[in-house]
Structures are given as structure tokens and as C-alpha cells.
């Protein structure tokens, strides 16, 4: 069952707060694909998410390193940036799938490889102005159905995107 809702962020700080608020709902083995244009706030979202689970490592965009790990008291976070990866074979050759079960996985530019993954939520960040963003949460699998219901409640999401 496909479910979708949107929330609005009026600042970078609010985007980080949204991400930090939802972080507690995700556990090792969960995958979140972050979609959006350059400058939409994907890395900002990751910073807020890691703050929400009290990561001990600073967050940096892994555009050139492809992947970064952040340690927390609960689980590791695997932050992947697939901007420079062109094919599913390239993605698979990275060997990062081996870490999916032991980490919460946040993938920037991952929508182009979504079909190679089983269960995931997509969070699309759309630029609406200098600081305003619309975050659209989309789920297409049973695994995240109850999580999406909870997120929609706590974020006061609008089903009409």
C-alpha cells in the first residue's frame, strides 16, 4: 500500500528538527532514501537525524568518499551519497549492502537505485524558496506502514501534497 504525506520546513533549523524528531523511529536495517535537487537540504536532514540519535561523529557530505559511518549509542548510521554513481552494478560493487542490516541507512541521490532495494522510505525535499522546503514522505512497502502513521501524526503531515 502506497502512503504519502508532506510537511513544510521554513528554515534549515526546522529541517534539522524534523529529521531529529523522526530519528527515534528508525532502527538497524532501515533504509531512508533522500531525494531532491542540489541544495535542497539532504545533508542538512542527515545532520538533524544524527543529532536526534546523539551521533558521536561530525556529519560531512560523502560526495567524494561515497559513504560515511556515524556512531551512536543505539546503532550506527550509514550515510551514502550516490550522486557520482551511475549504474546499479557500480552501486552493488561498493559492497555497502553488507552494512545495511547493522545500520540505519540514509542514501542521498538513491532514488535512481530504489528498485535494487527491498524496503525503504523516500523523503523528497523540494525547494520552495530561499529557506522553505516541502518534505514528502513516501512509503511503498508493508514494513514502514506503522512508522509512516506515527510520523504523520507527530509531524502533523498533510496527505494532500
C-alpha atoms as a PDB file:
ATOM      1  CA  UNK A   1       0.000   0.000   0.000  1.00  0.00           C
ATOM      2  CA  UNK A   2       1.432   3.355  -1.045  1.00  0.00           C
ATOM      3  CA  UNK A   3       1.207   6.055   1.584  1.00  0.00           C
ATOM      4  CA  UNK A   4       2.402   9.619   1.325  1.00  0.00           C
ATOM      5  CA  UNK A   5       2.296  12.861   3.283  1.00  0.00           C
ATOM      6  CA  UNK A   6       4.055  16.228   3.263  1.00  0.00           C
ATOM      7  CA  UNK A   7       5.398  18.632   5.830  1.00  0.00           C
ATOM      8  CA  UNK A   8       6.727  22.131   5.369  1.00  0.00           C
ATOM      9  CA  UNK A   9      10.011  23.426   6.702  1.00  0.00           C
ATOM     10  CA  UNK A  10      10.625  27.164   6.837  1.00  0.00           C
ATOM     11  CA  UNK A  11      14.313  27.011   7.731  1.00  0.00           C
ATOM     12  CA  UNK A  12      17.399  24.837   7.825  1.00  0.00           C
ATOM     13  CA  UNK A  13      16.951  24.569  11.604  1.00  0.00           C
ATOM     14  CA  UNK A  14      13.387  23.338  11.172  1.00  0.00           C
ATOM     15  CA  UNK A  15      14.523  20.712   8.637  1.00  0.00           C
ATOM     16  CA  UNK A  16      17.099  19.504  11.172  1.00  0.00           C
ATOM     17  CA  UNK A  17      14.430  19.431  13.898  1.00  0.00           C
ATOM     18  CA  UNK A  18      12.082  17.375  11.708  1.00  0.00           C
ATOM     19  CA  UNK A  19      14.867  14.900  10.981  1.00  0.00           C
ATOM     20  CA  UNK A  20      15.896  14.709  14.640  1.00  0.00           C
ATOM     21  CA  UNK A  21      12.313  14.120  15.702  1.00  0.00           C
ATOM     22  CA  UNK A  22      11.791  11.150  13.396  1.00  0.00           C
ATOM     23  CA  UNK A  23      15.192   9.528  14.020  1.00  0.00           C
ATOM     24  CA  UNK A  24      13.977   7.568  17.048  1.00  0.00           C
ATOM     25  CA  UNK A  25      11.519   5.638  14.854  1.00  0.00           C
ATOM     26  CA  UNK A  26      14.257   4.016  12.780  1.00  0.00           C
ATOM     27  CA  UNK A  27      16.489   1.076  13.672  1.00  0.00           C
ATOM     28  CA  UNK A  28      19.269  -1.025  12.201  1.00  0.00           C
ATOM     29  CA  UNK A  29      18.217  -2.401   8.841  1.00  0.00           C
ATOM     30  CA  UNK A  30      16.006   0.574   7.960  1.00  0.00           C
ATOM     31  CA  UNK A  31      16.667   2.480   4.728  1.00  0.00           C
ATOM     32  CA  UNK A  32      15.726   6.091   4.012  1.00  0.00           C
ATOM     33  CA  UNK A  33      16.301   7.440   0.508  1.00  0.00           C
ATOM     34  CA  UNK A  34      16.715  11.215   0.372  1.00  0.00           C
ATOM     35  CA  UNK A  35      15.726  12.797  -2.914  1.00  0.00           C
ATOM     36  CA  UNK A  36      15.911  16.386  -4.110  1.00  0.00           C
ATOM     37  CA  UNK A  37      17.852  18.864  -6.183  1.00  0.00           C
ATOM     38  CA  UNK A  38      21.279  20.206  -5.239  1.00  0.00           C
ATOM     39  CA  UNK A  39      20.883  22.468  -2.225  1.00  0.00           C
ATOM     40  CA  UNK A  40      17.501  21.055  -1.231  1.00  0.00           C
ATOM     41  CA  UNK A  41      18.722  20.064   2.236  1.00  0.00           C
ATOM     42  CA  UNK A  42      19.548  16.359   2.052  1.00  0.00           C
ATOM     43  CA  UNK A  43      22.789  16.643   4.037  1.00  0.00           C
ATOM     44  CA  UNK A  44      21.122  19.106   6.405  1.00  0.00           C
ATOM     45  CA  UNK A  45      18.468  16.437   7.007  1.00  0.00           C
ATOM     46  CA  UNK A  46      21.186  13.859   7.776  1.00  0.00           C
ATOM     47  CA  UNK A  47      22.774  16.267  10.273  1.00  0.00           C
ATOM     48  CA  UNK A  48      19.454  16.644  12.076  1.00  0.00           C
ATOM     49  CA  UNK A  49      18.839  12.895  12.005  1.00  0.00           C
ATOM     50  CA  UNK A  50      22.221  12.156  13.570  1.00  0.00           C
ATOM     51  CA  UNK A  51      21.662  14.853  16.203  1.00  0.00           C
ATOM     52  CA  UNK A  52      18.371  13.146  17.047  1.00  0.00           C
ATOM     53  CA  UNK A  53      20.177   9.904  17.928  1.00  0.00           C
ATOM     54  CA  UNK A  54      23.155  11.687  19.500  1.00  0.00           C
ATOM     55  CA  UNK A  55      25.797  10.620  16.988  1.00  0.00           C
ATOM     56  CA  UNK A  56      29.335  10.999  18.249  1.00  0.00           C
ATOM     57  CA  UNK A  57      30.825  11.842  14.854  1.00  0.00           C
ATOM     58  CA  UNK A  58      30.537  15.033  12.807  1.00  0.00           C
ATOM     59  CA  UNK A  59      28.427  14.802   9.653  1.00  0.00           C
ATOM     60  CA  UNK A  60      30.060  15.642   6.353  1.00  0.00           C
ATOM     61  CA  UNK A  61      28.691  15.152   2.870  1.00  0.00           C
ATOM     62  CA  UNK A  62      30.144  11.935   1.452  1.00  0.00           C
ATOM     63  CA  UNK A  63      30.010  13.186  -2.145  1.00  0.00           C
ATOM     64  CA  UNK A  64      33.614  12.144  -2.787  1.00  0.00           C
ATOM     65  CA  UNK A  65      34.063   9.419  -0.176  1.00  0.00           C
ATOM     66  CA  UNK A  66      30.684   7.865  -1.216  1.00  0.00           C
ATOM     67  CA  UNK A  67      29.889   6.691   2.345  1.00  0.00           C
ATOM     68  CA  UNK A  68      30.400   7.767   5.955  1.00  0.00           C
ATOM     69  CA  UNK A  69      29.578   5.946   9.174  1.00  0.00           C
ATOM     70  CA  UNK A  70      28.394   7.779  12.291  1.00  0.00           C
ATOM     71  CA  UNK A  71      28.432   6.048  15.670  1.00  0.00           C
ATOM     72  CA  UNK A  72      25.611   6.389  18.186  1.00  0.00           C
ATOM     73  CA  UNK A  73      24.809   4.655  21.472  1.00  0.00           C
ATOM     74  CA  UNK A  74      21.995   2.744  19.766  1.00  0.00           C
ATOM     75  CA  UNK A  75      23.083   1.900  16.205  1.00  0.00           C
ATOM     76  CA  UNK A  76      25.473   3.017  13.512  1.00  0.00           C
ATOM     77  CA  UNK A  77      24.268   5.312  10.763  1.00  0.00           C
ATOM     78  CA  UNK A  78      25.494   4.686   7.238  1.00  0.00           C
ATOM     79  CA  UNK A  79      25.296   7.873   5.150  1.00  0.00           C
ATOM     80  CA  UNK A  80      25.703   7.239   1.420  1.00  0.00           C
ATOM     81  CA  UNK A  81      25.864   9.765  -1.422  1.00  0.00           C
ATOM     82  CA  UNK A  82      25.254   8.189  -4.838  1.00  0.00           C
ATOM     83  CA  UNK A  83      25.496  11.387  -6.884  1.00  0.00           C
ATOM     84  CA  UNK A  84      28.607  10.160  -8.725  1.00  0.00           C
ATOM     85  CA  UNK A  85      27.429   6.549  -9.112  1.00  0.00           C
ATOM     86  CA  UNK A  86      25.829   5.823 -12.480  1.00  0.00           C
ATOM     87  CA  UNK A  87      24.730   2.194 -12.561  1.00  0.00           C
ATOM     88  CA  UNK A  88      23.240  -0.431 -10.274  1.00  0.00           C
ATOM     89  CA  UNK A  89      26.352  -2.552 -10.847  1.00  0.00           C
ATOM     90  CA  UNK A  90      28.566   0.292  -9.605  1.00  0.00           C
ATOM     91  CA  UNK A  91      26.323   0.658  -6.564  1.00  0.00           C
ATOM     92  CA  UNK A  92      26.412  -3.080  -5.833  1.00  0.00           C
ATOM     93  CA  UNK A  93      30.205  -3.219  -6.332  1.00  0.00           C
ATOM     94  CA  UNK A  94      30.655  -0.752  -3.473  1.00  0.00           C
ATOM     95  CA  UNK A  95      29.780  -3.581  -1.050  1.00  0.00           C
ATOM     96  CA  UNK A  96      27.738  -1.263   1.142  1.00  0.00           C
ATOM     97  CA  UNK A  97      24.751  -3.622   1.238  1.00  0.00           C
ATOM     98  CA  UNK A  98      26.814  -5.704   3.676  1.00  0.00           C
ATOM     99  CA  UNK A  99      26.314  -2.947   6.279  1.00  0.00           C
ATOM    100  CA  UNK A 100      22.581  -2.346   5.765  1.00  0.00           C
ATOM    101  CA  UNK A 101      21.405  -4.760   8.484  1.00  0.00           C
ATOM    102  CA  UNK A 102      23.658  -3.252  11.170  1.00  0.00           C
ATOM    103  CA  UNK A 103      22.957   0.407  10.402  1.00  0.00           C
ATOM    104  CA  UNK A 104      20.225   2.904   9.747  1.00  0.00           C
ATOM    105  CA  UNK A 105      20.970   3.768   6.132  1.00  0.00           C
ATOM    106  CA  UNK A 106      20.453   7.285   4.748  1.00  0.00           C
ATOM    107  CA  UNK A 107      21.046   7.486   0.998  1.00  0.00           C
ATOM    108  CA  UNK A 108      21.338  10.769  -0.867  1.00  0.00           C
ATOM    109  CA  UNK A 109      20.620  10.519  -4.598  1.00  0.00           C
ATOM    110  CA  UNK A 110      19.442   6.941  -4.080  1.00  0.00           C
ATOM    111  CA  UNK A 111      16.082   7.107  -5.820  1.00  0.00           C
ATOM    112  CA  UNK A 112      17.665   6.038  -9.104  1.00  0.00           C
ATOM    113  CA  UNK A 113      18.614   2.728  -7.433  1.00  0.00           C
ATOM    114  CA  UNK A 114      15.473   2.201  -5.356  1.00  0.00           C
ATOM    115  CA  UNK A 115      14.385  -0.802  -7.378  1.00  0.00           C
ATOM    116  CA  UNK A 116      17.539  -2.637  -6.277  1.00  0.00           C
ATOM    117  CA  UNK A 117      16.447  -2.358  -2.627  1.00  0.00           C
ATOM    118  CA  UNK A 118      13.608  -4.188  -0.906  1.00  0.00           C
ATOM    119  CA  UNK A 119      12.181  -1.914   1.790  1.00  0.00           C
ATOM    120  CA  UNK A 120      12.698   1.830   2.103  1.00  0.00           C
ATOM    121  CA  UNK A 121      11.051   5.169   2.691  1.00  0.00           C
ATOM    122  CA  UNK A 122      11.697   8.036   0.301  1.00  0.00           C
ATOM    123  CA  UNK A 123      11.881  11.547   1.680  1.00  0.00           C
ATOM    124  CA  UNK A 124      11.863  14.089  -1.138  1.00  0.00           C
ATOM    125  CA  UNK A 125      12.966  17.620  -0.351  1.00  0.00           C
ATOM    126  CA  UNK A 126      11.610  20.276  -2.715  1.00  0.00           C
ATOM    127  CA  UNK A 127      12.886  23.842  -2.763  1.00  0.00           C
ATOM    128  CA  UNK A 128      10.041  26.363  -2.424  1.00  0.00           C
ATOM    129  CA  UNK A 129      12.072  29.495  -1.716  1.00  0.00           C
ATOM    130  CA  UNK A 130      15.344  30.608  -0.179  1.00  0.00           C
ATOM    131  CA  UNK A 131      14.735  28.696   3.056  1.00  0.00           C
ATOM    132  CA  UNK A 132      11.370  26.978   2.591  1.00  0.00           C
ATOM    133  CA  UNK A 133      11.223  23.279   1.745  1.00  0.00           C
ATOM    134  CA  UNK A 134       8.461  20.709   1.330  1.00  0.00           C
ATOM    135  CA  UNK A 135       9.395  17.282   2.645  1.00  0.00           C
ATOM    136  CA  UNK A 136       7.332  14.497   1.078  1.00  0.00           C
ATOM    137  CA  UNK A 137       7.431  11.133   2.845  1.00  0.00           C
ATOM    138  CA  UNK A 138       6.568   8.169   0.597  1.00  0.00           C
ATOM    139  CA  UNK A 139       6.287   4.507   1.537  1.00  0.00           C
ATOM    140  CA  UNK A 140       5.576   1.614  -0.824  1.00  0.00           C
ATOM    141  CA  UNK A 141       6.064  -1.399   1.445  1.00  0.00           C
ATOM    142  CA  UNK A 142       4.397  -3.003   4.453  1.00  0.00           C
ATOM    143  CA  UNK A 143       7.478  -2.719   6.668  1.00  0.00           C
ATOM    144  CA  UNK A 144       7.089   1.024   7.263  1.00  0.00           C
ATOM    145  CA  UNK A 145       3.295   1.299   7.328  1.00  0.00           C
ATOM    146  CA  UNK A 146       3.030   1.843  11.106  1.00  0.00           C
ATOM    147  CA  UNK A 147       6.103   4.103  11.120  1.00  0.00           C
ATOM    148  CA  UNK A 148       4.515   6.297   8.453  1.00  0.00           C
ATOM    149  CA  UNK A 149       1.319   6.556  10.522  1.00  0.00           C
ATOM    150  CA  UNK A 150       3.335   7.663  13.557  1.00  0.00           C
ATOM    151  CA  UNK A 151       5.449  10.125  11.575  1.00  0.00           C
ATOM    152  CA  UNK A 152       2.375  11.681  10.003  1.00  0.00           C
ATOM    153  CA  UNK A 153       0.846  12.187  13.466  1.00  0.00           C
ATOM    154  CA  UNK A 154       3.890  13.690  15.178  1.00  0.00           C
ATOM    155  CA  UNK A 155       4.834  15.876  12.196  1.00  0.00           C
ATOM    156  CA  UNK A 156       1.210  16.858  11.545  1.00  0.00           C
ATOM    157  CA  UNK A 157       1.690  15.872   7.902  1.00  0.00           C
ATOM    158  CA  UNK A 158      -0.745  16.742   5.165  1.00  0.00           C
ATOM    159  CA  UNK A 159      -1.882  13.903   2.935  1.00  0.00           C
ATOM    160  CA  UNK A 160      -2.522  16.387   0.099  1.00  0.00           C
ATOM    161  CA  UNK A 161       0.956  17.023  -1.232  1.00  0.00           C
END
